[in-house]
Amino acid sequence: MNLKKINPHLQKALLENGFTEANELQQETFSSIKSGHDCIIQAPEGFGKTTTLAINVIQKLEKAVGESTRALVLTENKEKVLELVSLFKSFSQYTNLRIIGVHDKGDMDYDKNVISAGMDILIGTPTRVNEMFSSAGFNITTIKMFAIDDADILFRQRMDTVLLRLSSSIEKTQRLFFCNEITERVEILADKIMVEPLFFEMDTED
């Protein structure tokens, strides 16, 4: 994939999964996300937002480190959690990154035990992640990336209060919103938790 200084292990996995060239969205956002900027990335369905998210998280983390979660990815429901976990595992197959997905229909005690044993990337629904962090006392100061997939959908479902609570528990992290459209709620929450965010907007004509 033609992205500057992409991790070779990630590159190998992408090629094996049929991703030989970066699309316009991935090319435009890669350097900014890699540099640590807060970003709001908007594009219609099918433009590769989820792929872009996975590529950048794996690029940033590279390998397993310590025991505490370093990337928190929040998404809409169980189906999206499982889809993201599968994608992340495919792209990270040549790394030792530890990935888990948690959702409202899962076994919370089991999830807590897995996370306690050591985790790099936690993918989950906002309510389940909030419940786990509230009850288990996990160290979330180690989170380097706080990403929300389909942010506009989650905010429309009134998840913004939970997401704001989670974000406020993490003192210093890179925050990323991926959305189909930049709604008023997306802008309001970005204004509350992001530091000088960069906006990337694609439309169907692009």
Protein backbone atom coordinates (compact mmCIF):
# COMPACT_ATOMS: atom_id res chain seq x y z
CA MET A 1 0.00 0.00 0.00
CA ASN A 2 1.44 3.35 -1.07
CA LEU A 3 1.57 5.12 2.30
CA LYS A 4 4.76 6.83 3.45
CA LYS A 5 6.71 4.91 6.12
CA ILE A 6 3.96 2.37 6.71
CA ASN A 7 4.89 -0.42 9.11
CA PRO A 8 6.20 -3.37 7.03
CA HIS A 9 4.23 -5.94 9.06
CA LEU A 10 1.05 -3.97 8.48
CA GLN A 11 1.96 -3.54 4.82
CA LYS A 12 2.37 -7.29 4.37
CA ALA A 13 -1.02 -8.04 5.94
CA LEU A 14 -2.75 -5.38 3.85
CA LEU A 15 -1.32 -6.79 0.62
CA GLU A 16 -2.43 -10.31 1.57
CA ASN A 17 -5.94 -8.96 2.20
CA GLY A 18 -6.08 -7.33 -1.22
CA PHE A 19 -5.31 -3.74 -0.22
CA THR A 20 -2.59 -2.92 -2.72
CA GLU A 21 -3.18 0.84 -3.01
CA ALA A 22 -4.37 3.45 -0.55
CA ASN A 23 -7.51 5.29 -1.58
CA GLU A 24 -7.85 9.07 -1.44
CA LEU A 25 -9.20 9.09 2.12
CA GLN A 26 -6.32 6.98 3.42
CA GLN A 27 -3.72 9.03 1.56
CA GLU A 28 -5.08 12.35 2.85
CA THR A 29 -5.40 11.32 6.50
CA PHE A 30 -2.44 9.00 7.10
CA SER A 31 0.25 11.59 7.86
CA SER A 32 -2.00 13.72 10.07
CA ILE A 33 -3.21 10.79 12.14
CA LYS A 34 0.32 9.39 12.39
CA SER A 35 1.50 12.79 13.65
CA GLY A 36 -0.99 12.62 16.53
CA HIS A 37 -3.52 15.26 15.49
CA ASP A 38 -7.12 15.05 16.64
CA CYS A 39 -9.18 14.46 13.49
CA ILE A 40 -12.76 14.39 12.27
CA ILE A 41 -12.99 12.22 9.16
CA GLN A 42 -16.21 12.32 7.18
CA ALA A 43 -17.06 10.20 4.15
CA PRO A 44 -20.10 8.31 2.84
CA GLU A 45 -20.51 4.58 3.31
CA GLY A 46 -18.08 2.55 1.24
CA PHE A 47 -15.24 5.09 1.25
CA GLY A 48 -13.00 3.00 3.53
CA LYS A 49 -13.42 4.81 6.86
CA THR A 50 -13.27 1.63 8.94
CA THR A 51 -10.25 0.37 7.00
CA THR A 52 -8.59 3.76 7.55
CA LEU A 53 -9.28 3.50 11.27
CA ALA A 54 -7.77 0.02 11.55
CA ILE A 55 -4.69 0.91 9.49
CA ASN A 56 -3.88 3.94 11.62
CA VAL A 57 -4.38 2.28 15.01
CA ILE A 58 -2.15 -0.66 14.07
CA GLN A 59 0.42 1.70 12.54
CA LYS A 60 0.53 3.73 15.76
CA LEU A 61 0.75 0.88 18.24
CA GLU A 62 2.98 -1.49 16.21
CA LYS A 63 3.41 -4.18 18.90
CA ALA A 64 2.20 -5.35 22.30
CA VAL A 65 3.41 -3.20 25.19
CA GLY A 66 2.66 -3.60 28.90
CA GLU A 67 -0.70 -4.75 30.23
CA SER A 68 -3.00 -1.74 29.90
CA THR A 69 -5.18 -0.78 26.92
CA ARG A 70 -3.53 1.68 24.51
CA ALA A 71 -6.27 2.14 21.91
CA LEU A 72 -9.99 2.40 22.61
CA VAL A 73 -12.31 2.08 19.61
CA LEU A 74 -16.03 2.63 20.16
CA THR A 75 -18.75 1.57 17.76
CA GLU A 76 -22.49 1.12 17.50
CA ASN A 77 -23.45 -2.48 18.33
CA LYS A 78 -22.38 -6.12 18.65
CA GLU A 79 -22.32 -6.65 14.87
CA LYS A 80 -20.02 -3.67 14.31
CA VAL A 81 -17.77 -4.75 17.19
CA LEU A 82 -17.33 -8.22 15.67
CA GLU A 83 -16.73 -6.72 12.22
CA LEU A 84 -14.04 -4.40 13.56
CA VAL A 85 -12.33 -7.12 15.60
CA SER A 86 -12.14 -9.33 12.51
CA LEU A 87 -10.68 -6.49 10.43
CA PHE A 88 -8.14 -5.49 13.07
CA LYS A 89 -6.99 -9.09 13.52
CA SER A 90 -6.57 -9.53 9.77
CA PHE A 91 -4.44 -6.40 9.49
CA SER A 92 -2.38 -7.14 12.61
CA GLN A 93 -1.68 -10.82 11.91
CA TYR A 94 2.08 -10.21 11.62
CA THR A 95 2.24 -8.29 14.91
CA ASN A 96 1.66 -9.48 18.46
CA LEU A 97 -0.99 -6.84 19.19
CA ARG A 98 -3.70 -8.07 21.56
CA ILE A 99 -7.24 -7.22 20.49
CA ILE A 100 -10.59 -7.82 22.19
CA GLY A 101 -14.14 -6.83 21.38
CA VAL A 102 -16.76 -6.23 24.08
CA HIS A 103 -20.47 -5.56 23.65
CA ASP A 104 -23.69 -5.44 25.64
CA LYS A 105 -24.54 -9.10 24.95
CA GLY A 106 -21.17 -10.49 26.06
CA ASP A 107 -19.96 -11.98 29.34
CA MET A 108 -18.55 -9.02 31.28
CA ASP A 109 -16.61 -11.12 33.82
CA TYR A 110 -14.86 -12.98 31.00
CA ASP A 111 -14.07 -9.71 29.20
CA LYS A 112 -12.64 -8.19 32.38
CA ASN A 113 -10.37 -11.19 32.92
CA VAL A 114 -9.05 -11.06 29.35
CA ILE A 115 -8.36 -7.33 29.59
CA SER A 116 -6.68 -7.74 32.98
CA ALA A 117 -4.27 -10.26 31.46
CA GLY A 118 -3.03 -7.63 29.01
CA MET A 119 -4.61 -5.78 26.13
CA ASP A 120 -3.53 -3.30 23.45
CA ILE A 121 -6.71 -2.57 21.46
CA LEU A 122 -10.16 -2.59 23.04
CA ILE A 123 -13.11 -2.37 20.64
CA GLY A 124 -16.54 -2.04 22.16
CA THR A 125 -19.93 -0.43 22.51
CA PRO A 126 -19.98 2.72 24.68
CA THR A 127 -22.31 1.32 27.34
CA ARG A 128 -20.32 -1.89 27.87
CA VAL A 129 -16.95 -0.13 27.92
CA ASN A 130 -18.28 2.46 30.36
CA GLU A 131 -19.67 -0.28 32.65
CA MET A 132 -16.36 -2.14 32.59
CA PHE A 133 -14.18 0.86 33.31
CA SER A 134 -16.54 2.08 36.05
CA SER A 135 -16.68 -1.24 37.88
CA ALA A 136 -13.24 -2.74 37.33
CA GLY A 137 -10.99 0.25 37.91
CA PHE A 138 -8.87 -0.34 34.81
CA ASN A 139 -5.98 2.01 34.14
CA ILE A 140 -7.06 4.07 31.16
CA THR A 141 -4.35 6.72 31.40
CA THR A 142 -2.33 4.55 28.99
CA ILE A 143 -4.82 5.03 26.14
CA LYS A 144 -3.00 6.75 23.27
CA MET A 145 -5.87 6.66 20.75
CA PHE A 146 -9.56 7.24 21.45
CA ALA A 147 -11.50 6.57 18.25
CA ILE A 148 -15.23 6.62 17.56
CA ASP A 149 -16.51 4.80 14.48
CA ASP A 150 -19.83 6.04 13.05
CA ALA A 151 -19.73 8.96 15.49
CA ASP A 152 -22.78 10.65 13.98
CA ILE A 153 -24.88 7.51 14.51
CA LEU A 154 -23.75 7.09 18.13
CA PHE A 155 -24.46 10.73 18.94
CA ARG A 156 -27.88 10.45 17.32
CA GLN A 157 -28.56 7.56 19.71
CA ARG A 158 -27.81 9.88 22.65
CA MET A 159 -24.51 8.15 23.42
CA ASP A 160 -22.69 11.48 23.58
CA THR A 161 -23.02 11.73 27.39
CA VAL A 162 -21.40 8.32 27.89
CA LEU A 163 -18.68 9.09 25.34
CA LEU A 164 -17.98 12.43 26.99
CA ARG A 165 -17.62 10.69 30.36
CA LEU A 166 -15.19 8.15 28.93
CA SER A 167 -13.15 10.80 27.16
CA SER A 168 -12.90 12.96 30.27
CA SER A 169 -11.35 10.01 32.14
CA ILE A 170 -8.41 10.00 29.73
CA GLU A 171 -6.17 12.98 30.32
CA LYS A 172 -3.99 12.97 27.23
CA THR A 173 -4.84 11.02 24.10
CA GLN A 174 -5.38 11.40 20.37
CA ARG A 175 -9.09 11.61 19.54
CA LEU A 176 -10.54 10.52 16.20
CA PHE A 177 -14.12 10.74 14.95
CA PHE A 178 -15.17 8.80 11.84
CA CYS A 179 -18.60 9.69 10.52
CA ASN A 180 -20.89 9.57 7.49
CA GLU A 181 -21.79 13.23 7.99
CA ILE A 182 -20.59 16.01 10.26
CA THR A 183 -23.71 16.79 12.26
CA GLU A 184 -24.22 19.49 14.85
CA ARG A 185 -23.75 16.90 17.62
CA VAL A 186 -20.44 15.80 16.10
CA GLU A 187 -19.24 19.40 16.06
CA ILE A 188 -20.41 20.05 19.63
CA LEU A 189 -18.64 17.03 21.09
CA ALA A 190 -15.50 17.69 19.06
CA ASP A 191 -15.45 21.22 20.46
CA LYS A 192 -15.67 19.81 24.00
CA ILE A 193 -12.99 17.11 23.86
CA MET A 194 -10.67 17.75 20.90
CA VAL A 195 -7.64 20.01 20.60
CA GLU A 196 -7.58 21.97 17.33
CA PRO A 197 -9.01 19.08 15.28
CA LEU A 198 -8.34 18.67 11.59
CA PHE A 199 -11.37 18.11 9.35
CA PHE A 200 -11.29 15.73 6.39
CA GLU A 201 -14.45 15.74 4.31
CA MET A 202 -15.18 13.55 1.29
CA ASP A 203 -18.28 13.43 -0.81
CA THR A 204 -19.62 11.13 -3.52
CA GLU A 205 -18.14 13.33 -6.25
CA ASP A 206 -14.66 12.66 -4.88
